[in-house]
Amino acid sequence: MNEIVMIVCGVLLTAAALTVLFRLERGPSMLDRIVALDVLVAVVIATLTIWSAWTGRRDLTVILVVLASVGFIGSVTLARFAAVDPPSVEDAEAARIEAVRERLARVRARMESEQRDARRRMGPEGRPRE
C-alpha cells in the first residue's frame, strides 16, 4: 500500500514538473516564467520530501530547508526585477504614436495662434498696420 502511494505521488509530481517546464519554456511573459520556476522548486522540494519519507533518510531535511529558503529568496528577487520589466514592442509603439500626435497637436495650435496674431496685425487692405 505504501509503495502505491509513493508511485502515485511520483507520477503526479512528474506530470507537474513536465507542465511547469512547458510553461517555463513558453512564457509568454517574464512573470509566467518566474511563477513556473517557483513551482518547479516546490515540485523538487516535494519530490525530495517523498524520497526522504520513503527511504527514512532524515539528513535530507537540511537540504529541504536550504532549498526552500533559496527558492523563496530567488522568487522575491526575480519578482522585484520583473516589476520593472520593459514594455512590450506594441506598447512602446503605441506610446510613440501618442507622443507624435501630442506634438502635432501642439504644433497645429501654435500655427493657428500665429495665424490669428498675423491677421490682427493686418489692416483692411491686407497690409501690415503701422
C-alpha atoms as a PDB file:
ATOM      1  CA  MET A   1       0.000   0.000   0.000  1.00  0.00           C
ATOM      2  CA  ASN A   2       2.834   2.337   0.881  1.00  0.00           C
ATOM      3  CA  GLU A   3       4.501   1.738  -2.463  1.00  0.00           C
ATOM      4  CA  ILE A   4       1.303   2.529  -4.369  1.00  0.00           C
ATOM      5  CA  VAL A   5       1.025   5.910  -2.638  1.00  0.00           C
ATOM      6  CA  MET A   6       4.656   6.688  -3.455  1.00  0.00           C
ATOM      7  CA  ILE A   7       4.203   5.688  -7.097  1.00  0.00           C
ATOM      8  CA  VAL A   8       1.053   7.804  -7.460  1.00  0.00           C
ATOM      9  CA  CYS A   9       2.823  10.777  -5.871  1.00  0.00           C
ATOM     10  CA  GLY A  10       5.798  10.272  -8.188  1.00  0.00           C
ATOM     11  CA  VAL A  11       3.570  10.174 -11.269  1.00  0.00           C
ATOM     12  CA  LEU A  12       1.706  13.311 -10.181  1.00  0.00           C
ATOM     13  CA  LEU A  13       4.941  15.173  -9.435  1.00  0.00           C
ATOM     14  CA  THR A  14       6.366  14.116 -12.811  1.00  0.00           C
ATOM     15  CA  ALA A  15       3.257  15.417 -14.568  1.00  0.00           C
ATOM     16  CA  ALA A  16       3.510  18.658 -12.600  1.00  0.00           C
ATOM     17  CA  ALA A  17       7.195  19.037 -13.490  1.00  0.00           C
ATOM     18  CA  LEU A  18       6.527  18.488 -17.198  1.00  0.00           C
ATOM     19  CA  THR A  19       3.681  21.007 -17.153  1.00  0.00           C
ATOM     20  CA  VAL A  20       5.854  23.528 -15.344  1.00  0.00           C
ATOM     21  CA  LEU A  21       8.723  23.016 -17.787  1.00  0.00           C
ATOM     22  CA  PHE A  22       6.324  23.679 -20.657  1.00  0.00           C
ATOM     23  CA  ARG A  23       5.175  26.943 -19.021  1.00  0.00           C
ATOM     24  CA  LEU A  24       8.769  27.869 -18.226  1.00  0.00           C
ATOM     25  CA  GLU A  25       9.746  27.480 -21.871  1.00  0.00           C
ATOM     26  CA  ARG A  26       6.639  29.053 -23.458  1.00  0.00           C
ATOM     27  CA  GLY A  27       6.119  32.043 -21.194  1.00  0.00           C
ATOM     28  CA  PRO A  28       4.658  34.316 -22.623  1.00  0.00           C
ATOM     29  CA  SER A  29       5.681  36.909 -20.032  1.00  0.00           C
ATOM     30  CA  MET A  30       8.557  37.069 -17.610  1.00  0.00           C
ATOM     31  CA  LEU A  31       6.132  36.830 -14.701  1.00  0.00           C
ATOM     32  CA  ASP A  32       4.808  33.496 -16.035  1.00  0.00           C
ATOM     33  CA  ARG A  33       8.346  32.170 -16.157  1.00  0.00           C
ATOM     34  CA  ILE A  34       9.078  33.352 -12.618  1.00  0.00           C
ATOM     35  CA  VAL A  35       5.963  31.636 -11.263  1.00  0.00           C
ATOM     36  CA  ALA A  36       6.835  28.469 -13.200  1.00  0.00           C
ATOM     37  CA  LEU A  37      10.345  28.483 -11.741  1.00  0.00           C
ATOM     38  CA  ASP A  38       8.909  28.889  -8.251  1.00  0.00           C
ATOM     39  CA  VAL A  39       6.523  25.971  -8.812  1.00  0.00           C
ATOM     40  CA  LEU A  40       9.413  23.871 -10.159  1.00  0.00           C
ATOM     41  CA  VAL A  41      11.333  24.476  -6.934  1.00  0.00           C
ATOM     42  CA  ALA A  42       8.221  23.418  -4.992  1.00  0.00           C
ATOM     43  CA  VAL A  43       7.998  20.218  -7.073  1.00  0.00           C
ATOM     44  CA  VAL A  44      11.649  19.431  -6.355  1.00  0.00           C
ATOM     45  CA  ILE A  45      11.059  20.043  -2.648  1.00  0.00           C
ATOM     46  CA  ALA A  46       8.014  17.746  -2.703  1.00  0.00           C
ATOM     47  CA  THR A  47       9.986  15.077  -4.557  1.00  0.00           C
ATOM     48  CA  LEU A  48      12.815  15.209  -2.021  1.00  0.00           C
ATOM     49  CA  THR A  49      10.277  15.069   0.812  1.00  0.00           C
ATOM     50  CA  ILE A  50       8.638  11.953  -0.622  1.00  0.00           C
ATOM     51  CA  TRP A  51      12.042  10.366  -1.220  1.00  0.00           C
ATOM     52  CA  SER A  52      13.079  11.166   2.351  1.00  0.00           C
ATOM     53  CA  ALA A  53       9.863   9.672   3.751  1.00  0.00           C
ATOM     54  CA  TRP A  54      10.160   6.546   1.603  1.00  0.00           C
ATOM     55  CA  THR A  55      13.801   5.834   2.402  1.00  0.00           C
ATOM     56  CA  GLY A  56      13.670   7.072   6.004  1.00  0.00           C
ATOM     57  CA  ARG A  57      16.568   9.471   5.492  1.00  0.00           C
ATOM     58  CA  ARG A  58      16.447  12.343   7.943  1.00  0.00           C
ATOM     59  CA  ASP A  59      19.597  14.018   6.647  1.00  0.00           C
ATOM     60  CA  LEU A  60      17.666  15.428   3.663  1.00  0.00           C
ATOM     61  CA  THR A  61      15.794  17.811   5.979  1.00  0.00           C
ATOM     62  CA  VAL A  62      18.667  20.296   5.901  1.00  0.00           C
ATOM     63  CA  ILE A  63      18.696  20.207   2.103  1.00  0.00           C
ATOM     64  CA  LEU A  64      14.924  20.786   2.062  1.00  0.00           C
ATOM     65  CA  VAL A  65      15.207  23.824   4.340  1.00  0.00           C
ATOM     66  CA  VAL A  66      18.049  25.311   2.277  1.00  0.00           C
ATOM     67  CA  LEU A  67      16.208  24.663  -0.983  1.00  0.00           C
ATOM     68  CA  ALA A  68      13.021  26.268   0.381  1.00  0.00           C
ATOM     69  CA  SER A  69      14.991  29.318   1.537  1.00  0.00           C
ATOM     70  CA  VAL A  70      16.804  29.686  -1.764  1.00  0.00           C
ATOM     71  CA  GLY A  71      13.533  29.263  -3.649  1.00  0.00           C
ATOM     72  CA  PHE A  72      11.827  31.957  -1.586  1.00  0.00           C
ATOM     73  CA  ILE A  73      14.690  34.449  -1.852  1.00  0.00           C
ATOM     74  CA  GLY A  74      15.039  33.761  -5.567  1.00  0.00           C
ATOM     75  CA  SER A  75      11.322  34.274  -6.177  1.00  0.00           C
ATOM     76  CA  VAL A  76      11.293  37.569  -4.306  1.00  0.00           C
ATOM     77  CA  THR A  77      14.392  38.770  -6.139  1.00  0.00           C
ATOM     78  CA  LEU A  78      13.082  37.815  -9.570  1.00  0.00           C
ATOM     79  CA  ALA A  79       9.691  39.359  -8.818  1.00  0.00           C
ATOM     80  CA  ARG A  80      11.474  42.582  -7.904  1.00  0.00           C
ATOM     81  CA  PHE A  81      13.232  42.628 -11.278  1.00  0.00           C
ATOM     82  CA  ALA A  82      10.036  41.673 -13.131  1.00  0.00           C
ATOM     83  CA  ALA A  83       8.284  44.692 -11.644  1.00  0.00           C
ATOM     84  CA  VAL A  84      10.477  46.904 -13.847  1.00  0.00           C
ATOM     85  CA  ASP A  85      10.041  44.713 -16.930  1.00  0.00           C
ATOM     86  CA  PRO A  86      10.264  46.867 -20.060  1.00  0.00           C
ATOM     87  CA  PRO A  87       7.046  47.365 -22.007  1.00  0.00           C
ATOM     88  CA  SER A  88       6.292  45.202 -24.996  1.00  0.00           C
ATOM     89  CA  VAL A  89       7.009  46.330 -28.540  1.00  0.00           C
ATOM     90  CA  GLU A  90       3.321  47.049 -29.173  1.00  0.00           C
ATOM     91  CA  ASP A  91       3.060  49.195 -26.034  1.00  0.00           C
ATOM     92  CA  ALA A  92       6.212  51.115 -26.930  1.00  0.00           C
ATOM     93  CA  GLU A  93       4.957  51.712 -30.473  1.00  0.00           C
ATOM     94  CA  ALA A  94       1.576  52.928 -29.201  1.00  0.00           C
ATOM     95  CA  ALA A  95       3.327  55.298 -26.769  1.00  0.00           C
ATOM     96  CA  ARG A  96       5.482  56.692 -29.603  1.00  0.00           C
ATOM     97  CA  ILE A  97       2.429  57.242 -31.805  1.00  0.00           C
ATOM     98  CA  GLU A  98       0.631  59.032 -28.978  1.00  0.00           C
ATOM     99  CA  ALA A  99       3.677  61.257 -28.356  1.00  0.00           C
ATOM    100  CA  VAL A 100       3.810  62.195 -32.052  1.00  0.00           C
ATOM    101  CA  ARG A 101       0.088  63.014 -32.021  1.00  0.00           C
ATOM    102  CA  GLU A 102       0.544  65.260 -28.979  1.00  0.00           C
ATOM    103  CA  ARG A 103       3.468  67.082 -30.629  1.00  0.00           C
ATOM    104  CA  LEU A 104       1.458  67.513 -33.827  1.00  0.00           C
ATOM    105  CA  ALA A 105      -1.469  68.955 -31.858  1.00  0.00           C
ATOM    106  CA  ARG A 106       0.873  71.455 -30.139  1.00  0.00           C
ATOM    107  CA  VAL A 107       2.403  72.491 -33.483  1.00  0.00           C
ATOM    108  CA  ARG A 108      -1.057  72.981 -35.013  1.00  0.00           C
ATOM    109  CA  ALA A 109      -2.204  75.068 -32.038  1.00  0.00           C
ATOM    110  CA  ARG A 110       0.927  77.232 -32.281  1.00  0.00           C
ATOM    111  CA  MET A 111       0.454  77.728 -36.043  1.00  0.00           C
ATOM    112  CA  GLU A 112      -3.189  78.706 -35.584  1.00  0.00           C
ATOM    113  CA  SER A 113      -2.200  81.141 -32.843  1.00  0.00           C
ATOM    114  CA  GLU A 114       0.456  82.708 -35.085  1.00  0.00           C
ATOM    115  CA  GLN A 115      -2.045  82.992 -37.944  1.00  0.00           C
ATOM    116  CA  ARG A 116      -4.568  84.759 -35.681  1.00  0.00           C
ATOM    117  CA  ASP A 117      -1.884  87.148 -34.482  1.00  0.00           C
ATOM    118  CA  ALA A 118      -0.824  87.834 -38.070  1.00  0.00           C
ATOM    119  CA  ARG A 119      -4.445  88.556 -39.086  1.00  0.00           C
ATOM    120  CA  ARG A 120      -4.842  91.008 -36.188  1.00  0.00           C
ATOM    121  CA  ARG A 121      -1.723  92.883 -37.274  1.00  0.00           C
ATOM    122  CA  MET A 122      -3.011  93.301 -40.838  1.00  0.00           C
ATOM    123  CA  GLY A 123      -5.003  96.297 -41.916  1.00  0.00           C
ATOM    124  CA  PRO A 124      -8.139  96.271 -44.054  1.00  0.00           C
ATOM    125  CA  GLU A 125      -6.162  96.330 -47.319  1.00  0.00           C
ATOM    126  CA  GLY A 126      -4.083  93.325 -46.360  1.00  0.00           C
ATOM    127  CA  ARG A 127      -1.088  95.474 -45.428  1.00  0.00           C
ATOM    128  CA  PRO A 128       0.550  95.483 -42.041  1.00  0.00           C
ATOM    129  CA  ARG A 129      -0.713  98.165 -39.639  1.00  0.00           C
ATOM    130  CA  GLU A 130       1.715 100.800 -38.576  1.00  0.00           C
END
